[in-house]
Structure formats: C-alpha cells, structure tokens
C-alpha atoms as a PDB file:
ATOM      1  CA  MET A   1     -19.014 -49.263  84.448  1.00  0.00           C
ATOM      2  CA  ALA A   2     -17.168 -50.726  81.542  1.00  0.00           C
ATOM      3  CA  ASP A   3     -20.224 -49.968  79.445  1.00  0.00           C
ATOM      4  CA  GLU A   4     -20.197 -46.358  80.585  1.00  0.00           C
ATOM      5  CA  GLN A   5     -16.552 -45.967  79.699  1.00  0.00           C
ATOM      6  CA  GLU A   6     -17.171 -47.497  76.314  1.00  0.00           C
ATOM      7  CA  ILE A   7     -20.128 -45.147  75.752  1.00  0.00           C
ATOM      8  CA  MET A   8     -18.006 -42.186  76.887  1.00  0.00           C
ATOM      9  CA  CYS A   9     -15.212 -43.218  74.505  1.00  0.00           C
ATOM     10  CA  LYS A  10     -17.735 -43.492  71.667  1.00  0.00           C
ATOM     11  CA  LEU A  11     -19.178 -40.088  72.559  1.00  0.00           C
ATOM     12  CA  GLU A  12     -15.688 -38.599  72.587  1.00  0.00           C
ATOM     13  CA  SER A  13     -15.000 -40.192  69.202  1.00  0.00           C
ATOM     14  CA  ILE A  14     -18.313 -38.835  67.833  1.00  0.00           C
ATOM     15  CA  LYS A  15     -17.447 -35.398  69.203  1.00  0.00           C
ATOM     16  CA  GLU A  16     -14.016 -35.540  67.541  1.00  0.00           C
ATOM     17  CA  ILE A  17     -15.543 -36.809  64.284  1.00  0.00           C
ATOM     18  CA  ARG A  18     -18.034 -33.925  64.357  1.00  0.00           C
ATOM     19  CA  SER A  19     -15.283 -31.376  65.040  1.00  0.00           C
ATOM     20  CA  LYS A  20     -13.022 -32.817  62.339  1.00  0.00           C
ATOM     21  CA  THR A  21     -15.962 -33.004  59.884  1.00  0.00           C
ATOM     22  CA  LEU A  22     -16.801 -29.323  60.475  1.00  0.00           C
ATOM     23  CA  GLN A  23     -13.134 -28.441  60.018  1.00  0.00           C
ATOM     24  CA  MET A  24     -13.083 -30.549  56.843  1.00  0.00           C
ATOM     25  CA  GLU A  25     -16.251 -28.801  55.504  1.00  0.00           C
ATOM     26  CA  LYS A  26     -14.685 -25.396  56.117  1.00  0.00           C
ATOM     27  CA  ILE A  27     -11.515 -26.447  54.254  1.00  0.00           C
ATOM     28  CA  LYS A  28     -13.672 -27.942  51.493  1.00  0.00           C
ATOM     29  CA  ALA A  29     -15.573 -24.623  51.138  1.00  0.00           C
ATOM     30  CA  ARG A  30     -12.307 -22.737  51.009  1.00  0.00           C
ATOM     31  CA  LEU A  31     -10.941 -25.184  48.425  1.00  0.00           C
ATOM     32  CA  LYS A  32     -14.054 -24.685  46.302  1.00  0.00           C
ATOM     33  CA  ALA A  33     -13.639 -20.896  46.519  1.00  0.00           C
ATOM     34  CA  GLU A  34      -9.949 -21.224  45.662  1.00  0.00           C
ATOM     35  CA  PHE A  35     -10.756 -23.419  42.635  1.00  0.00           C
ATOM     36  CA  GLU A  36     -13.316 -20.875  41.435  1.00  0.00           C
ATOM     37  CA  ALA A  37     -10.792 -18.069  41.908  1.00  0.00           C
ATOM     38  CA  LEU A  38      -8.163 -20.140  40.099  1.00  0.00           C
ATOM     39  CA  GLU A  39     -10.497 -20.766  37.134  1.00  0.00           C
ATOM     40  CA  SER A  40     -11.438 -17.086  37.046  1.00  0.00           C
ATOM     41  CA  GLU A  41      -7.778 -16.040  37.123  1.00  0.00           C
ATOM     42  CA  GLU A  42      -6.962 -18.546  34.363  1.00  0.00           C
ATOM     43  CA  ARG A  43      -9.745 -17.041  32.220  1.00  0.00           C
ATOM     44  CA  HIS A  44      -8.421 -13.548  32.909  1.00  0.00           C
ATOM     45  CA  LEU A  45      -4.868 -14.635  32.093  1.00  0.00           C
ATOM     46  CA  LYS A  46      -6.071 -16.161  28.813  1.00  0.00           C
ATOM     47  CA  GLU A  47      -7.901 -12.906  27.964  1.00  0.00           C
ATOM     48  CA  TYR A  48      -4.801 -10.877  28.856  1.00  0.00           C
ATOM     49  CA  LYS A  49      -2.633 -13.064  26.615  1.00  0.00           C
ATOM     50  CA  GLN A  50      -5.125 -12.716  23.747  1.00  0.00           C
ATOM     51  CA  GLU A  51      -5.140  -8.926  24.212  1.00  0.00           C
ATOM     52  CA  MET A  52      -1.331  -8.957  24.300  1.00  0.00           C
ATOM     53  CA  ASP A  53      -1.261 -10.944  21.037  1.00  0.00           C
ATOM     54  CA  LEU A  54      -3.621  -8.418  19.422  1.00  0.00           C
ATOM     55  CA  LEU A  55      -1.462  -5.532  20.655  1.00  0.00           C
ATOM     56  CA  LEU A  56       1.684  -7.220  19.309  1.00  0.00           C
ATOM     57  CA  GLN A  57      -0.036  -7.755  15.942  1.00  0.00           C
ATOM     58  CA  GLU A  58      -1.070  -4.090  15.904  1.00  0.00           C
ATOM     59  CA  LYS A  59       2.480  -3.081  16.835  1.00  0.00           C
ATOM     60  CA  MET A  60       3.902  -5.189  14.011  1.00  0.00           C
ATOM     61  CA  ALA A  61       1.403  -3.637  11.585  1.00  0.00           C
ATOM     62  CA  HIS A  62       2.545  -0.170  12.694  1.00  0.00           C
ATOM     63  CA  VAL A  63       6.193  -1.210  12.463  1.00  0.00           C
ATOM     64  CA  GLU A  64       5.562  -2.426   8.901  1.00  0.00           C
ATOM     65  CA  GLU A  65       3.695   0.805   8.108  1.00  0.00           C
ATOM     66  CA  LEU A  66       6.626   2.847   9.464  1.00  0.00           C
ATOM     67  CA  ARG A  67       9.050   0.712   7.468  1.00  0.00           C
ATOM     68  CA  LEU A  68       7.048   1.400   4.297  1.00  0.00           C
ATOM     69  CA  ILE A  69       6.923   5.131   5.121  1.00  0.00           C
ATOM     70  CA  HIS A  70      10.714   5.164   5.620  1.00  0.00           C
ATOM     71  CA  ALA A  71      11.140   3.323   2.320  1.00  0.00           C
ATOM     72  CA  ASP A  72       8.903   5.913   0.612  1.00  0.00           C
ATOM     73  CA  ILE A  73      10.911   8.722   2.222  1.00  0.00           C
ATOM     74  CA  ASN A  74      14.151   7.177   0.939  1.00  0.00           C
ATOM     75  CA  VAL A  75      12.686   6.852  -2.554  1.00  0.00           C
ATOM     76  CA  MET A  76      11.521  10.484  -2.478  1.00  0.00           C
ATOM     77  CA  GLU A  77      14.909  11.692  -1.204  1.00  0.00           C
ATOM     78  CA  ASN A  78      16.625   9.833  -4.049  1.00  0.00           C
ATOM     79  CA  THR A  79      14.085  11.187  -6.544  1.00  0.00           C
ATOM     80  CA  ILE A  80      14.644  14.737  -5.271  1.00  0.00           C
ATOM     81  CA  LYS A  81      18.430  14.303  -5.498  1.00  0.00           C
ATOM     82  CA  GLN A  82      18.126  12.986  -9.046  1.00  0.00           C
ATOM     83  CA  SER A  83      15.765  15.789 -10.036  1.00  0.00           C
ATOM     84  CA  GLU A  84      18.106  18.397  -8.571  1.00  0.00           C
ATOM     85  CA  ASN A  85      21.048  16.834 -10.418  1.00  0.00           C
ATOM     86  CA  ASP A  86      19.013  16.909 -13.632  1.00  0.00           C
ATOM     87  CA  LEU A  87      18.096  20.541 -12.945  1.00  0.00           C
ATOM     88  CA  ASN A  88      21.765  21.418 -12.382  1.00  0.00           C
ATOM     89  CA  LYS A  89      22.738  19.734 -15.645  1.00  0.00           C
ATOM     90  CA  LEU A  90      19.957  21.502 -17.531  1.00  0.00           C
ATOM     91  CA  LEU A  91      20.891  24.867 -16.031  1.00  0.00           C
ATOM     92  CA  GLU A  92      24.535  24.357 -16.970  1.00  0.00           C
ATOM     93  CA  SER A  93      23.599  23.183 -20.453  1.00  0.00           C
ATOM     94  CA  THR A  94      21.271  26.169 -20.895  1.00  0.00           C
ATOM     95  CA  ARG A  95      23.957  28.571 -19.736  1.00  0.00           C
ATOM     96  CA  ARG A  96      26.464  27.063 -22.179  1.00  0.00           C
ATOM     97  CA  LEU A  97      23.970  27.265 -25.056  1.00  0.00           C
ATOM     98  CA  HIS A  98      23.213  30.871 -24.144  1.00  0.00           C
ATOM     99  CA  ASP A  99      26.951  31.594 -24.100  1.00  0.00           C
ATOM    100  CA  GLU A 100      27.226  30.078 -27.609  1.00  0.00           C
ATOM    101  CA  TYR A 101      24.126  31.857 -28.909  1.00  0.00           C
ATOM    102  CA  LYS A 102      24.934  35.396 -27.754  1.00  0.00           C
ATOM    103  CA  PRO A 103      28.186  35.986 -29.694  1.00  0.00           C
ATOM    104  CA  LEU A 104      26.735  34.241 -32.756  1.00  0.00           C
ATOM    105  CA  LYS A 105      23.656  36.512 -32.660  1.00  0.00           C
ATOM    106  CA  GLU A 106      25.845  39.605 -32.237  1.00  0.00           C
ATOM    107  CA  HIS A 107      27.893  38.535 -35.248  1.00  0.00           C
ATOM    108  CA  VAL A 108      24.757  37.911 -37.353  1.00  0.00           C
ATOM    109  CA  ASP A 109      23.297  41.264 -36.237  1.00  0.00           C
ATOM    110  CA  ALA A 110      26.537  43.029 -37.233  1.00  0.00           C
ATOM    111  CA  LEU A 111      26.486  41.361 -40.662  1.00  0.00           C
ATOM    112  CA  ARG A 112      22.813  42.288 -41.136  1.00  0.00           C
ATOM    113  CA  MET A 113      23.504  45.921 -40.204  1.00  0.00           C
ATOM    114  CA  THR A 114      26.255  46.113 -42.808  1.00  0.00           C
ATOM    115  CA  LEU A 115      23.604  45.158 -45.373  1.00  0.00           C
ATOM    116  CA  GLY A 116      21.125  47.673 -43.926  1.00  0.00           C
ATOM    117  CA  LEU A 117      18.892  44.987 -42.410  1.00  0.00           C
ATOM    118  CA  GLN A 118      17.309  45.220 -39.004  1.00  0.00           C
ATOM    119  CA  ARG A 119      18.718  43.314 -36.083  1.00  0.00           C
ATOM    120  CA  LEU A 120      17.072  40.018 -35.176  1.00  0.00           C
ATOM    121  CA  PRO A 121      14.839  40.111 -32.094  1.00  0.00           C
ATOM    122  CA  ASP A 122      16.390  39.087 -28.781  1.00  0.00           C
ATOM    123  CA  LEU A 123      15.515  35.740 -27.266  1.00  0.00           C
ATOM    124  CA  CYS A 124      13.252  37.286 -24.654  1.00  0.00           C
ATOM    125  CA  GLU A 125      11.352  39.183 -27.386  1.00  0.00           C
ATOM    126  CA  GLU A 126      11.116  36.173 -29.667  1.00  0.00           C
ATOM    127  CA  GLU A 127      10.133  33.437 -27.236  1.00  0.00           C
ATOM    128  CA  GLU A 128       8.902  33.936 -23.709  1.00  0.00           C
ATOM    129  CA  LYS A 129      10.169  30.495 -22.760  1.00  0.00           C
ATOM    130  CA  LEU A 130      13.680  31.377 -23.825  1.00  0.00           C
ATOM    131  CA  SER A 131      14.048  34.382 -21.558  1.00  0.00           C
ATOM    132  CA  LEU A 132      16.439  33.972 -18.709  1.00  0.00           C
ATOM    133  CA  GLU A 133      14.797  35.460 -15.643  1.00  0.00           C
ATOM    134  CA  PRO A 134      15.551  35.089 -11.950  1.00  0.00           C
ATOM    135  CA  ALA A 135      13.294  32.399 -10.601  1.00  0.00           C
ATOM    136  CA  CYS A 136      12.290  31.511  -7.118  1.00  0.00           C
ATOM    137  CA  LEU A 137      15.171  30.138  -5.124  1.00  0.00           C
ATOM    138  CA  VAL A 138      15.494  26.390  -5.378  1.00  0.00           C
ATOM    139  CA  THR A 139      16.879  25.118  -2.114  1.00  0.00           C
ATOM    140  CA  SER A 140      17.475  21.686  -0.769  1.00  0.00           C
ATOM    141  CA  LYS A 141      19.219  19.995   2.072  1.00  0.00           C
ATOM    142  CA  PHE A 142      20.863  17.744  -0.512  1.00  0.00           C
ATOM    143  CA  THR A 143      22.402  20.280  -2.874  1.00  0.00           C
ATOM    144  CA  GLU A 144      23.561  23.849  -2.932  1.00  0.00           C
ATOM    145  CA  MET A 145      21.247  26.801  -3.557  1.00  0.00           C
ATOM    146  CA  HIS A 146      20.379  27.755  -7.131  1.00  0.00           C
ATOM    147  CA  GLN A 147      19.568  31.406  -7.563  1.00  0.00           C
ATOM    148  CA  TYR A 148      18.330  31.321 -11.136  1.00  0.00           C
ATOM    149  CA  ALA A 149      16.337  29.027 -13.330  1.00  0.00           C
ATOM    150  CA  LEU A 150      14.617  29.285 -16.653  1.00  0.00           C
ATOM    151  CA  CYS A 151      11.122  30.629 -16.478  1.00  0.00           C
ATOM    152  CA  ALA A 152       8.501  31.882 -18.868  1.00  0.00           C
ATOM    153  CA  LYS A 153       7.433  35.353 -17.899  1.00  0.00           C
ATOM    154  CA  LEU A 154       4.635  37.124 -19.734  1.00  0.00           C
ATOM    155  CA  ARG A 155       5.361  40.713 -20.678  1.00  0.00           C
ATOM    156  CA  ALA A 156       2.732  43.262 -19.587  1.00  0.00           C
ATOM    157  CA  GLY A 157       2.817  46.244 -21.884  1.00  0.00           C
ATOM    158  CA  PRO A 158       0.659  49.393 -21.904  1.00  0.00           C
ATOM    159  CA  GLY A 159      -2.083  47.679 -23.938  1.00  0.00           C
ATOM    160  CA  THR A 160      -2.293  44.653 -21.642  1.00  0.00           C
ATOM    161  CA  PRO A 161      -5.842  43.985 -20.444  1.00  0.00           C
ATOM    162  CA  LYS A 162      -6.497  44.417 -16.777  1.00  0.00           C
ATOM    163  CA  SER A 163      -7.298  41.451 -14.568  1.00  0.00           C
ATOM    164  CA  GLN A 164     -10.498  41.206 -12.538  1.00  0.00           C
ATOM    165  CA  ASN A 165      -8.985  42.931  -9.524  1.00  0.00           C
ATOM    166  CA  GLY A 166      -8.116  45.968 -11.680  1.00  0.00           C
ATOM    167  CA  SER A 167      -4.333  45.609 -11.796  1.00  0.00           C
ATOM    168  CA  LYS A 168      -2.437  44.855 -14.956  1.00  0.00           C
ATOM    169  CA  MET A 169      -1.793  41.212 -15.491  1.00  0.00           C
ATOM    170  CA  ASN A 170       1.621  40.112 -14.274  1.00  0.00           C
ATOM    171  CA  GLU A 171       2.043  43.137 -11.995  1.00  0.00           C
ATOM    172  CA  GLU A 172       1.777  40.731  -9.114  1.00  0.00           C
ATOM    173  CA  ARG A 173       4.548  38.654 -10.629  1.00  0.00           C
ATOM    174  CA  GLU A 174       6.628  41.784 -11.180  1.00  0.00           C
ATOM    175  CA  SER A 175       6.294  42.742  -7.531  1.00  0.00           C
ATOM    176  CA  THR A 176       7.231  39.196  -6.515  1.00  0.00           C
ATOM    177  CA  TRP A 177      10.436  39.453  -8.521  1.00  0.00           C
ATOM    178  CA  SER A 178      11.218  42.914  -7.250  1.00  0.00           C
ATOM    179  CA  SER A 179      10.622  41.909  -3.626  1.00  0.00           C
ATOM    180  CA  ALA A 180      12.981  38.924  -3.894  1.00  0.00           C
ATOM    181  CA  PRO A 181      16.547  39.573  -2.672  1.00  0.00           C
ATOM    182  CA  HIS A 182      18.558  40.777  -5.653  1.00  0.00           C
ATOM    183  CA  ASN A 183      21.592  38.722  -6.496  1.00  0.00           C
ATOM    184  CA  PRO A 184      23.825  39.409  -9.494  1.00  0.00           C
ATOM    185  CA  SER A 185      22.842  37.168 -12.367  1.00  0.00           C
ATOM    186  CA  PRO A 186      25.228  34.372 -13.299  1.00  0.00           C
ATOM    187  CA  TRP A 187      23.814  34.600 -16.827  1.00  0.00           C
ATOM    188  CA  PRO A 188      25.735  36.672 -19.347  1.00  0.00           C
ATOM    189  CA  GLU A 189      23.924  39.638 -20.832  1.00  0.00           C
END
C-alpha cells in the first residue's frame, strides 16, 4: 500500500508537471508573439520618427523659402517706394523747369517778333520727348495717385502711313487717351 500511495503521489506530480508545462508553453508562445509584436512596433516607431524628421526638414525648407520670399517682397516694396519718390521728384523738377521755360520762351518769341522773325517751335513740336501729355495713372498703395507723367507721343498727321490693320498709326493711342477719365492738367499751358 505504501508503494501504491507513492506511485499515486508521483502520478499526481507528473500530472501537475504536465499541466504546468502546457500552461508554461502557452505563456511562452504568447511571450514570443508579444516580442515579435514589440519588435515590429519598434520598427514602425523608428520609421514614423524618420518620416517625422523628413517632414520637419521639409517644413523648415518651406519656412526658409517663405522667409526669403518675404525678404524679396520687402526689398521690392522698398524699391517701389524709392522709385515712386524718384518719380515724384522728377515730375516736380520737370514741372518747375517747364514753368521756367514757358515765360522765357514767350519773352524770346516777343523779341523775335519785334525783329520780324518767326516764333520758335513749341516744345511738343520740337521734341516729342519734351511734350507734357497725360499718362496712364500711376497708383500705389505707398504713395498718392499721380495723374500726369512725361511721355513721348508720336504725332499722326494726314500723311502718316497706315498700320497693317488699316488705321492710322497712333489712333489707338489717341483713343486710349480720350477714353481715360479727363482730369484738369496740373501743367501750365
């Protein structure tokens, strides 16, 4: 009987060992699956971080590009302001010179007439570039509106050759000027 009890105890121990071993194998299989999932997730995380780094580099490149564009815009705004200031100064200087020229020419013409000489030609007859004509409106968000500027305007007389489309040269320009809103000229006549 003692032998039977000993055998039964050993059988019970074997049964428990078998049960615990099966339980251990299941846990081991789960651990292996978890380790594989962990390694896979670590690889994914590394890939995500690399992609994030690339995106941040791209963002910084775009930020730098935008910064350069803003710098270019600032330079252009300053250039436009300077050009408009230069234009204003030139317009004022031209107006002053015209104001000086006109009475002097009238005086010279009067003296010439007393001697029986013909009058000198007007500026617009003498030099196309010296004629004061209304130009296209120069507007800007930086400065006020200028209604007039110097411009060279070719004169189309009766003997002017026709352009390819059959109209006299400069008629298109004439219509452009006539269609523009008429403002009284700041230039003295």
